[in-house]
Amino acid sequence: MTLQTIRPARALALAATISALAAPAASAVPIEDFKPGERVNRTDRAVPVRVVQLEADRGFDWGDAGLGATGLFALMAIGAGAAVAGGYRVGRHSSEAIS
């Protein structure tokens, strides 16, 4: 790698690190309790409770399997296209390509 390619890579890595560290943490305030401009005293009222009911697992999901297979096929097609566009050939060595 030359110096011209190292500097942008370092700058990009530094920018990604700074932006990841500067990102605010998620707030744990329920959206129902958030009212702009209004102070809420949480000690004088009961907190509502949500009950979530889950369905039983019905086994293998063919829809999810189809999405995964489609994604894998797309990645393989992109890789094959990149190999063809890059001029990569199986069994060809750099010394044979020159002659």
PDB file of N, CA and C in Angstrom:
ATOM      1  N   MET A   1       0.842  -1.179   0.000  1.00  0.00           N
ATOM      2  CA  MET A   1       0.000   0.000   0.000  1.00  0.00           C
ATOM      3  C   MET A   1       0.883   1.237   0.000  1.00  0.00           C
ATOM      4  N   THR A   2       0.470   2.211  -0.733  1.00  0.00           N
ATOM      5  CA  THR A   2       1.234   3.446  -0.769  1.00  0.00           C
ATOM      6  C   THR A   2       0.697   4.402   0.275  1.00  0.00           C
ATOM      7  N   LEU A   3       1.439   5.461   0.477  1.00  0.00           N
ATOM      8  CA  LEU A   3       1.043   6.465   1.465  1.00  0.00           C
ATOM      9  C   LEU A   3      -0.267   7.134   1.070  1.00  0.00           C
ATOM     10  N   GLN A   4      -0.502   7.232  -0.243  1.00  0.00           N
ATOM     11  CA  GLN A   4      -1.734   7.874  -0.714  1.00  0.00           C
ATOM     12  C   GLN A   4      -2.970   7.041  -0.398  1.00  0.00           C
ATOM     13  N   THR A   5      -2.835   5.740  -0.293  1.00  0.00           N
ATOM     14  CA  THR A   5      -3.991   4.904   0.029  1.00  0.00           C
ATOM     15  C   THR A   5      -4.138   4.690   1.524  1.00  0.00           C
ATOM     16  N   ILE A   6      -3.047   4.840   2.285  1.00  0.00           N
ATOM     17  CA  ILE A   6      -3.118   4.640   3.735  1.00  0.00           C
ATOM     18  C   ILE A   6      -3.814   5.813   4.419  1.00  0.00           C
ATOM     19  N   ARG A   7      -3.518   7.042   4.014  1.00  0.00           N
ATOM     20  CA  ARG A   7      -4.098   8.215   4.665  1.00  0.00           C
ATOM     21  C   ARG A   7      -5.625   8.249   4.589  1.00  0.00           C
ATOM     22  N   PRO A   8      -6.235   8.036   3.415  1.00  0.00           N
ATOM     23  CA  PRO A   8      -7.713   8.028   3.402  1.00  0.00           C
ATOM     24  C   PRO A   8      -8.305   6.893   4.231  1.00  0.00           C
ATOM     25  N   ALA A   9      -7.646   5.750   4.256  1.00  0.00           N
ATOM     26  CA  ALA A   9      -8.150   4.625   5.041  1.00  0.00           C
ATOM     27  C   ALA A   9      -8.089   4.953   6.526  1.00  0.00           C
ATOM     28  N   ARG A  10      -7.014   5.578   6.970  1.00  0.00           N
ATOM     29  CA  ARG A  10      -6.907   5.965   8.375  1.00  0.00           C
ATOM     30  C   ARG A  10      -7.928   7.040   8.718  1.00  0.00           C
ATOM     31  N   ALA A  11      -8.112   7.995   7.820  1.00  0.00           N
ATOM     32  CA  ALA A  11      -9.087   9.059   8.068  1.00  0.00           C
ATOM     33  C   ALA A  11     -10.496   8.486   8.163  1.00  0.00           C
ATOM     34  N   LEU A  12     -10.815   7.537   7.303  1.00  0.00           N
ATOM     35  CA  LEU A  12     -12.138   6.905   7.344  1.00  0.00           C
ATOM     36  C   LEU A  12     -12.325   6.100   8.627  1.00  0.00           C
ATOM     37  N   ALA A  13     -11.297   5.374   9.037  1.00  0.00           N
ATOM     38  CA  ALA A  13     -11.387   4.602  10.272  1.00  0.00           C
ATOM     39  C   ALA A  13     -11.528   5.524  11.481  1.00  0.00           C
ATOM     40  N   LEU A  14     -10.801   6.633  11.492  1.00  0.00           N
ATOM     41  CA  LEU A  14     -10.903   7.594  12.582  1.00  0.00           C
ATOM     42  C   LEU A  14     -12.295   8.228  12.628  1.00  0.00           C
ATOM     43  N   ALA A  15     -12.835   8.594  11.474  1.00  0.00           N
ATOM     44  CA  ALA A  15     -14.171   9.192  11.425  1.00  0.00           C
ATOM     45  C   ALA A  15     -15.236   8.205  11.899  1.00  0.00           C
ATOM     46  N   ALA A  16     -15.109   6.936  11.516  1.00  0.00           N
ATOM     47  CA  ALA A  16     -16.075   5.923  11.955  1.00  0.00           C
ATOM     48  C   ALA A  16     -15.999   5.705  13.459  1.00  0.00           C
ATOM     49  N   THR A  17     -14.788   5.704  14.007  1.00  0.00           N
ATOM     50  CA  THR A  17     -14.620   5.523  15.454  1.00  0.00           C
ATOM     51  C   THR A  17     -15.204   6.697  16.230  1.00  0.00           C
ATOM     52  N   ILE A  18     -14.914   7.907  15.789  1.00  0.00           N
ATOM     53  CA  ILE A  18     -15.433   9.093  16.478  1.00  0.00           C
ATOM     54  C   ILE A  18     -16.945   9.142  16.416  1.00  0.00           C
ATOM     55  N   SER A  19     -17.527   8.847  15.259  1.00  0.00           N
ATOM     56  CA  SER A  19     -18.987   8.895  15.154  1.00  0.00           C
ATOM     57  C   SER A  19     -19.651   7.797  15.978  1.00  0.00           C
ATOM     58  N   ALA A  20     -19.009   6.644  16.101  1.00  0.00           N
ATOM     59  CA  ALA A  20     -19.579   5.566  16.925  1.00  0.00           C
ATOM     60  C   ALA A  20     -19.535   5.928  18.396  1.00  0.00           C
ATOM     61  N   LEU A  21     -18.456   6.562  18.827  1.00  0.00           N
ATOM     62  CA  LEU A  21     -18.352   6.950  20.230  1.00  0.00           C
ATOM     63  C   LEU A  21     -19.220   8.153  20.567  1.00  0.00           C
ATOM     64  N   ALA A  22     -19.485   9.005  19.598  1.00  0.00           N
ATOM     65  CA  ALA A  22     -20.263  10.204  19.852  1.00  0.00           C
ATOM     66  C   ALA A  22     -21.772   9.973  19.758  1.00  0.00           C
ATOM     67  N   ALA A  23     -22.185   8.831  19.272  1.00  0.00           N
ATOM     68  CA  ALA A  23     -23.616   8.549  19.124  1.00  0.00           C
ATOM     69  C   ALA A  23     -24.266   8.460  20.507  1.00  0.00           C
ATOM     70  N   PRO A  24     -25.428   9.079  20.671  1.00  0.00           N
ATOM     71  CA  PRO A  24     -26.081   9.034  21.987  1.00  0.00           C
ATOM     72  C   PRO A  24     -26.638   7.650  22.283  1.00  0.00           C
ATOM     73  N   ALA A  25     -26.718   7.344  23.551  1.00  0.00           N
ATOM     74  CA  ALA A  25     -27.292   6.069  23.971  1.00  0.00           C
ATOM     75  C   ALA A  25     -28.811   6.130  23.844  1.00  0.00           C
ATOM     76  N   ALA A  26     -29.445   4.994  23.754  1.00  0.00           N
ATOM     77  CA  ALA A  26     -30.895   4.938  23.639  1.00  0.00           C
ATOM     78  C   ALA A  26     -31.548   5.374  24.939  1.00  0.00           C
ATOM     79  N   SER A  27     -32.690   6.027  24.812  1.00  0.00           N
ATOM     80  CA  SER A  27     -33.422   6.479  25.984  1.00  0.00           C
ATOM     81  C   SER A  27     -34.406   5.399  26.416  1.00  0.00           C
ATOM     82  N   ALA A  28     -34.556   5.231  27.717  1.00  0.00           N
ATOM     83  CA  ALA A  28     -35.448   4.207  28.233  1.00  0.00           C
ATOM     84  C   ALA A  28     -36.795   4.782  28.659  1.00  0.00           C
ATOM     85  N   VAL A  29     -37.146   5.970  28.196  1.00  0.00           N
ATOM     86  CA  VAL A  29     -38.407   6.603  28.560  1.00  0.00           C
ATOM     87  C   VAL A  29     -39.496   6.091  27.626  1.00  0.00           C
ATOM     88  N   PRO A  30     -40.590   5.537  28.151  1.00  0.00           N
ATOM     89  CA  PRO A  30     -41.686   5.108  27.280  1.00  0.00           C
ATOM     90  C   PRO A  30     -42.272   6.303  26.540  1.00  0.00           C
ATOM     91  N   ILE A  31     -42.659   6.114  25.311  1.00  0.00           N
ATOM     92  CA  ILE A  31     -43.156   7.202  24.481  1.00  0.00           C
ATOM     93  C   ILE A  31     -44.466   7.779  25.030  1.00  0.00           C
ATOM     94  N   GLU A  32     -45.228   6.972  25.758  1.00  0.00           N
ATOM     95  CA  GLU A  32     -46.487   7.456  26.313  1.00  0.00           C
ATOM     96  C   GLU A  32     -46.250   8.501  27.402  1.00  0.00           C
ATOM     97  N   ASP A  33     -45.124   8.410  28.103  1.00  0.00           N
ATOM     98  CA  ASP A  33     -44.824   9.323  29.193  1.00  0.00           C
ATOM     99  C   ASP A  33     -44.092  10.570  28.734  1.00  0.00           C
ATOM    100  N   PHE A  34     -43.664  10.627  27.506  1.00  0.00           N
ATOM    101  CA  PHE A  34     -42.885  11.754  27.023  1.00  0.00           C
ATOM    102  C   PHE A  34     -43.810  12.820  26.451  1.00  0.00           C
ATOM    103  N   LYS A  35     -43.830  13.956  27.118  1.00  0.00           N
ATOM    104  CA  LYS A  35     -44.602  15.093  26.630  1.00  0.00           C
ATOM    105  C   LYS A  35     -43.681  16.305  26.684  1.00  0.00           C
ATOM    106  N   PRO A  36     -43.338  16.888  25.551  1.00  0.00           N
ATOM    107  CA  PRO A  36     -42.401  18.010  25.547  1.00  0.00           C
ATOM    108  C   PRO A  36     -42.924  19.181  26.376  1.00  0.00           C
ATOM    109  N   GLY A  37     -42.070  19.786  27.152  1.00  0.00           N
ATOM    110  CA  GLY A  37     -42.418  20.970  27.922  1.00  0.00           C
ATOM    111  C   GLY A  37     -43.189  20.688  29.199  1.00  0.00           C
ATOM    112  N   GLU A  38     -43.388  19.439  29.556  1.00  0.00           N
ATOM    113  CA  GLU A  38     -44.170  19.110  30.747  1.00  0.00           C
ATOM    114  C   GLU A  38     -43.327  18.247  31.677  1.00  0.00           C
ATOM    115  N   ARG A  39     -43.237  18.634  32.933  1.00  0.00           N
ATOM    116  CA  ARG A  39     -42.506  17.839  33.911  1.00  0.00           C
ATOM    117  C   ARG A  39     -43.444  16.790  34.482  1.00  0.00           C
ATOM    118  N   VAL A  40     -42.934  15.610  34.653  1.00  0.00           N
ATOM    119  CA  VAL A  40     -43.744  14.494  35.136  1.00  0.00           C
ATOM    120  C   VAL A  40     -43.177  14.036  36.470  1.00  0.00           C
ATOM    121  N   ASN A  41     -44.048  13.959  37.475  1.00  0.00           N
ATOM    122  CA  ASN A  41     -43.659  13.414  38.762  1.00  0.00           C
ATOM    123  C   ASN A  41     -44.120  11.962  38.786  1.00  0.00           C
ATOM    124  N   ARG A  42     -43.214  11.036  38.729  1.00  0.00           N
ATOM    125  CA  ARG A  42     -43.558   9.620  38.591  1.00  0.00           C
ATOM    126  C   ARG A  42     -43.965   8.966  39.904  1.00  0.00           C
ATOM    127  N   THR A  43     -43.849   9.659  41.014  1.00  0.00           N
ATOM    128  CA  THR A  43     -44.183   9.040  42.293  1.00  0.00           C
ATOM    129  C   THR A  43     -45.663   9.119  42.620  1.00  0.00           C
ATOM    130  N   ASP A  44     -46.434   9.958  41.963  1.00  0.00           N
ATOM    131  CA  ASP A  44     -47.832  10.146  42.338  1.00  0.00           C
ATOM    132  C   ASP A  44     -48.813   9.362  41.480  1.00  0.00           C
ATOM    133  N   ARG A  45     -48.360   8.481  40.618  1.00  0.00           N
ATOM    134  CA  ARG A  45     -49.298   7.705  39.801  1.00  0.00           C
ATOM    135  C   ARG A  45     -48.766   6.304  39.564  1.00  0.00           C
ATOM    136  N   ALA A  46     -49.663   5.422  39.216  1.00  0.00           N
ATOM    137  CA  ALA A  46     -49.290   4.028  38.964  1.00  0.00           C
ATOM    138  C   ALA A  46     -48.683   3.910  37.569  1.00  0.00           C
ATOM    139  N   VAL A  47     -47.783   2.990  37.422  1.00  0.00           N
ATOM    140  CA  VAL A  47     -47.139   2.750  36.139  1.00  0.00           C
ATOM    141  C   VAL A  47     -47.929   1.675  35.402  1.00  0.00           C
ATOM    142  N   PRO A  48     -48.350   1.952  34.147  1.00  0.00           N
ATOM    143  CA  PRO A  48     -49.094   0.925  33.404  1.00  0.00           C
ATOM    144  C   PRO A  48     -48.189  -0.247  33.033  1.00  0.00           C
ATOM    145  N   VAL A  49     -48.790  -1.426  32.988  1.00  0.00           N
ATOM    146  CA  VAL A  49     -48.062  -2.643  32.671  1.00  0.00           C
ATOM    147  C   VAL A  49     -48.580  -3.185  31.355  1.00  0.00           C
ATOM    148  N   ARG A  50     -47.674  -3.537  30.469  1.00  0.00           N
ATOM    149  CA  ARG A  50     -48.070  -4.134  29.191  1.00  0.00           C
ATOM    150  C   ARG A  50     -47.899  -5.640  29.274  1.00  0.00           C
ATOM    151  N   VAL A  51     -48.885  -6.358  28.798  1.00  0.00           N
ATOM    152  CA  VAL A  51     -48.810  -7.814  28.759  1.00  0.00           C
ATOM    153  C   VAL A  51     -48.637  -8.214  27.302  1.00  0.00           C
ATOM    154  N   VAL A  52     -47.569  -8.935  27.018  1.00  0.00           N
ATOM    155  CA  VAL A  52     -47.269  -9.371  25.663  1.00  0.00           C
ATOM    156  C   VAL A  52     -47.488 -10.870  25.584  1.00  0.00           C
ATOM    157  N   GLN A  53     -48.320 -11.286  24.640  1.00  0.00           N
ATOM    158  CA  GLN A  53     -48.575 -12.708  24.460  1.00  0.00           C
ATOM    159  C   GLN A  53     -47.809 -13.187  23.238  1.00  0.00           C
ATOM    160  N   LEU A  54     -47.099 -14.279  23.396  1.00  0.00           N
ATOM    161  CA  LEU A  54     -46.316 -14.841  22.312  1.00  0.00           C
ATOM    162  C   LEU A  54     -46.986 -16.107  21.800  1.00  0.00           C
ATOM    163  N   GLU A  55     -46.873 -16.292  20.485  1.00  0.00           N
ATOM    164  CA  GLU A  55     -47.406 -17.518  19.899  1.00  0.00           C
ATOM    165  C   GLU A  55     -46.385 -18.638  20.056  1.00  0.00           C
ATOM    166  N   ALA A  56     -46.872 -19.851  20.067  1.00  0.00           N
ATOM    167  CA  ALA A  56     -45.979 -21.002  20.164  1.00  0.00           C
ATOM    168  C   ALA A  56     -45.211 -21.168  18.862  1.00  0.00           C
ATOM    169  N   ASP A  57     -43.974 -21.632  18.958  1.00  0.00           N
ATOM    170  CA  ASP A  57     -43.155 -21.871  17.786  1.00  0.00           C
ATOM    171  C   ASP A  57     -43.742 -23.027  16.986  1.00  0.00           C
ATOM    172  N   ARG A  58     -43.957 -22.771  15.692  1.00  0.00           N
ATOM    173  CA  ARG A  58     -44.563 -23.791  14.853  1.00  0.00           C
ATOM    174  C   ARG A  58     -43.540 -24.591  14.058  1.00  0.00           C
ATOM    175  N   GLY A  59     -42.266 -24.486  14.408  1.00  0.00           N
ATOM    176  CA  GLY A  59     -41.250 -25.274  13.728  1.00  0.00           C
ATOM    177  C   GLY A  59     -40.531 -24.503  12.634  1.00  0.00           C
ATOM    178  N   PHE A  60     -40.134 -25.204  11.595  1.00  0.00           N
ATOM    179  CA  PHE A  60     -39.334 -24.641  10.515  1.00  0.00           C
ATOM    180  C   PHE A  60     -40.153 -23.650   9.710  1.00  0.00           C
ATOM    181  N   ASP A  61     -39.574 -22.490   9.449  1.00  0.00           N
ATOM    182  CA  ASP A  61     -40.263 -21.459   8.678  1.00  0.00           C
ATOM    183  C   ASP A  61     -39.669 -21.410   7.272  1.00  0.00           C
ATOM    184  N   TRP A  62     -40.448 -21.851   6.292  1.00  0.00           N
ATOM    185  CA  TRP A  62     -39.982 -21.910   4.915  1.00  0.00           C
ATOM    186  C   TRP A  62     -39.779 -20.520   4.325  1.00  0.00           C
ATOM    187  N   GLY A  63     -40.530 -19.549   4.786  1.00  0.00           N
ATOM    188  CA  GLY A  63     -40.360 -18.184   4.288  1.00  0.00           C
ATOM    189  C   GLY A  63     -39.001 -17.619   4.654  1.00  0.00           C
ATOM    190  N   ASP A  64     -38.595 -17.817   5.913  1.00  0.00           N
ATOM    191  CA  ASP A  64     -37.273 -17.359   6.340  1.00  0.00           C
ATOM    192  C   ASP A  64     -36.165 -18.115   5.617  1.00  0.00           C
ATOM    193  N   ALA A  65     -36.368 -19.398   5.379  1.00  0.00           N
ATOM    194  CA  ALA A  65     -35.374 -20.183   4.656  1.00  0.00           C
ATOM    195  C   ALA A  65     -35.232 -19.691   3.217  1.00  0.00           C
ATOM    196  N   GLY A  66     -36.348 -19.332   2.611  1.00  0.00           N
ATOM    197  CA  GLY A  66     -36.307 -18.801   1.249  1.00  0.00           C
ATOM    198  C   GLY A  66     -35.583 -17.465   1.180  1.00  0.00           C
ATOM    199  N   LEU A  67     -35.819 -16.608   2.172  1.00  0.00           N
ATOM    200  CA  LEU A  67     -35.113 -15.326   2.201  1.00  0.00           C
ATOM    201  C   LEU A  67     -33.611 -15.533   2.384  1.00  0.00           C
ATOM    202  N   GLY A  68     -33.236 -16.452   3.240  1.00  0.00           N
ATOM    203  CA  GLY A  68     -31.814 -16.729   3.447  1.00  0.00           C
ATOM    204  C   GLY A  68     -31.161 -17.298   2.199  1.00  0.00           C
ATOM    205  N   ALA A  69     -31.844 -18.209   1.527  1.00  0.00           N
ATOM    206  CA  ALA A  69     -31.298 -18.792   0.303  1.00  0.00           C
ATOM    207  C   ALA A  69     -31.176 -17.741  -0.794  1.00  0.00           C
ATOM    208  N   THR A  70     -32.150 -16.852  -0.883  1.00  0.00           N
ATOM    209  CA  THR A  70     -32.092 -15.783  -1.882  1.00  0.00           C
ATOM    210  C   THR A  70     -30.936 -14.833  -1.597  1.00  0.00           C
ATOM    211  N   GLY A  71     -30.735 -14.505  -0.330  1.00  0.00           N
ATOM    212  CA  GLY A  71     -29.613 -13.638   0.033  1.00  0.00           C
ATOM    213  C   GLY A  71     -28.273 -14.281  -0.285  1.00  0.00           C
ATOM    214  N   LEU A  72     -28.137 -15.571   0.009  1.00  0.00           N
ATOM    215  CA  LEU A  72     -26.907 -16.286  -0.296  1.00  0.00           C
ATOM    216  C   LEU A  72     -26.661 -16.337  -1.802  1.00  0.00           C
ATOM    217  N   PHE A  73     -27.710 -16.593  -2.575  1.00  0.00           N
ATOM    218  CA  PHE A  73     -27.585 -16.617  -4.038  1.00  0.00           C
ATOM    219  C   PHE A  73     -27.152 -15.245  -4.561  1.00  0.00           C
ATOM    220  N   ALA A  74     -27.718 -14.173  -3.997  1.00  0.00           N
ATOM    221  CA  ALA A  74     -27.350 -12.825  -4.426  1.00  0.00           C
ATOM    222  C   ALA A  74     -25.879 -12.546  -4.116  1.00  0.00           C
ATOM    223  N   LEU A  75     -25.406 -12.940  -2.927  1.00  0.00           N
ATOM    224  CA  LEU A  75     -23.993 -12.737  -2.591  1.00  0.00           C
ATOM    225  C   LEU A  75     -23.069 -13.540  -3.510  1.00  0.00           C
ATOM    226  N   MET A  76     -23.467 -14.746  -3.853  1.00  0.00           N
ATOM    227  CA  MET A  76     -22.662 -15.555  -4.760  1.00  0.00           C
ATOM    228  C   MET A  76     -22.619 -14.933  -6.152  1.00  0.00           C
ATOM    229  N   ALA A  77     -23.745 -14.411  -6.615  1.00  0.00           N
ATOM    230  CA  ALA A  77     -23.789 -13.772  -7.928  1.00  0.00           C
ATOM    231  C   ALA A  77     -22.933 -12.512  -7.952  1.00  0.00           C
ATOM    232  N   ILE A  78     -22.971 -11.738  -6.872  1.00  0.00           N
ATOM    233  CA  ILE A  78     -22.137 -10.532  -6.798  1.00  0.00           C
ATOM    234  C   ILE A  78     -20.660 -10.914  -6.786  1.00  0.00           C
ATOM    235  N   GLY A  79     -20.303 -11.944  -6.039  1.00  0.00           N
ATOM    236  CA  GLY A  79     -18.914 -12.406  -6.006  1.00  0.00           C
ATOM    237  C   GLY A  79     -18.453 -12.917  -7.359  1.00  0.00           C
ATOM    238  N   ALA A  80     -19.302 -13.657  -8.034  1.00  0.00           N
ATOM    239  CA  ALA A  80     -18.929 -14.158  -9.354  1.00  0.00           C
ATOM    240  C   ALA A  80     -18.784 -13.009 -10.346  1.00  0.00           C
ATOM    241  N   GLY A  81     -19.669 -12.035 -10.256  1.00  0.00           N
ATOM    242  CA  GLY A  81     -19.553 -10.870 -11.138  1.00  0.00           C
ATOM    243  C   GLY A  81     -18.300 -10.073 -10.869  1.00  0.00           C
ATOM    244  N   ALA A  82     -17.933  -9.948  -9.606  1.00  0.00           N
ATOM    245  CA  ALA A  82     -16.701  -9.230  -9.265  1.00  0.00           C
ATOM    246  C   ALA A  82     -15.478  -9.989  -9.750  1.00  0.00           C
ATOM    247  N   ALA A  83     -15.502 -11.313  -9.675  1.00  0.00           N
ATOM    248  CA  ALA A  83     -14.379 -12.115 -10.158  1.00  0.00           C
ATOM    249  C   ALA A  83     -14.236 -11.997 -11.668  1.00  0.00           C
ATOM    250  N   VAL A  84     -15.344 -11.994 -12.385  1.00  0.00           N
ATOM    251  CA  VAL A  84     -15.294 -11.858 -13.840  1.00  0.00           C
ATOM    252  C   VAL A  84     -14.828 -10.451 -14.216  1.00  0.00           C
ATOM    253  N   ALA A  85     -15.341  -9.443 -13.536  1.00  0.00           N
ATOM    254  CA  ALA A  85     -14.967  -8.070 -13.850  1.00  0.00           C
ATOM    255  C   ALA A  85     -13.513  -7.792 -13.480  1.00  0.00           C
ATOM    256  N   GLY A  86     -13.023  -8.446 -12.450  1.00  0.00           N
ATOM    257  CA  GLY A  86     -11.647  -8.241 -12.025  1.00  0.00           C
ATOM    258  C   GLY A  86     -10.633  -9.020 -12.840  1.00  0.00           C
ATOM    259  N   GLY A  87     -11.080  -9.862 -13.707  1.00  0.00           N
ATOM    260  CA  GLY A  87     -10.170 -10.620 -14.555  1.00  0.00           C
ATOM    261  C   GLY A  87      -9.567 -11.814 -13.868  1.00  0.00           C
ATOM    262  N   TYR A  88     -10.144 -12.287 -12.782  1.00  0.00           N
ATOM    263  CA  TYR A  88      -9.614 -13.439 -12.067  1.00  0.00           C
ATOM    264  C   TYR A  88      -9.961 -14.708 -12.830  1.00  0.00           C
ATOM    265  N   ARG A  89      -8.959 -15.540 -13.049  1.00  0.00           N
ATOM    266  CA  ARG A  89      -9.181 -16.817 -13.719  1.00  0.00           C
ATOM    267  C   ARG A  89      -8.574 -17.927 -12.869  1.00  0.00           C
ATOM    268  N   VAL A  90      -9.288 -18.985 -12.680  1.00  0.00           N
ATOM    269  CA  VAL A  90      -8.799 -20.106 -11.886  1.00  0.00           C
ATOM    270  C   VAL A  90      -7.672 -20.784 -12.640  1.00  0.00           C
ATOM    271  N   GLY A  91      -6.537 -21.021 -11.973  1.00  0.00           N
ATOM    272  CA  GLY A  91      -5.424 -21.727 -12.593  1.00  0.00           C
ATOM    273  C   GLY A  91      -4.457 -20.821 -13.318  1.00  0.00           C
ATOM    274  N   ARG A  92      -4.737 -19.560 -13.475  1.00  0.00           N
ATOM    275  CA  ARG A  92      -3.856 -18.638 -14.169  1.00  0.00           C
ATOM    276  C   ARG A  92      -2.934 -17.984 -13.134  1.00  0.00           C
ATOM    277  N   HIS A  93      -1.645 -18.008 -13.408  1.00  0.00           N
ATOM    278  CA  HIS A  93      -0.673 -17.380 -12.539  1.00  0.00           C
ATOM    279  C   HIS A  93      -0.182 -16.106 -13.202  1.00  0.00           C
ATOM    280  N   SER A  94       0.341 -15.205 -12.406  1.00  0.00           N
ATOM    281  CA  SER A  94       0.799 -13.921 -12.941  1.00  0.00           C
ATOM    282  C   SER A  94       1.949 -14.101 -13.925  1.00  0.00           C
ATOM    283  N   SER A  95       2.803 -15.114 -13.743  1.00  0.00           N
ATOM    284  CA  SER A  95       3.932 -15.321 -14.661  1.00  0.00           C
ATOM    285  C   SER A  95       3.444 -15.847 -16.004  1.00  0.00           C
ATOM    286  N   GLU A  96       2.358 -16.616 -16.022  1.00  0.00           N
ATOM    287  CA  GLU A  96       1.811 -17.126 -17.283  1.00  0.00           C
ATOM    288  C   GLU A  96       1.065 -16.048 -18.046  1.00  0.00           C
ATOM    289  N   ALA A  97       0.488 -15.074 -17.330  1.00  0.00           N
ATOM    290  CA  ALA A  97      -0.295 -14.028 -17.979  1.00  0.00           C
ATOM    291  C   ALA A  97       0.602 -13.083 -18.771  1.00  0.00           C
ATOM    292  N   ILE A  98       1.859 -12.930 -18.381  1.00  0.00           N
ATOM    293  CA  ILE A  98       2.754 -12.008 -19.060  1.00  0.00           C
ATOM    294  C   ILE A  98       3.185 -12.581 -20.403  1.00  0.00           C
ATOM    295  N   SER A  99       3.446 -13.858 -20.480  1.00  0.00           N
ATOM    296  CA  SER A  99       3.950 -14.456 -21.723  1.00  0.00           C
ATOM    297  C   SER A  99       2.859 -14.812 -22.680  1.00  0.00           C
TER     298      SER A  99
END
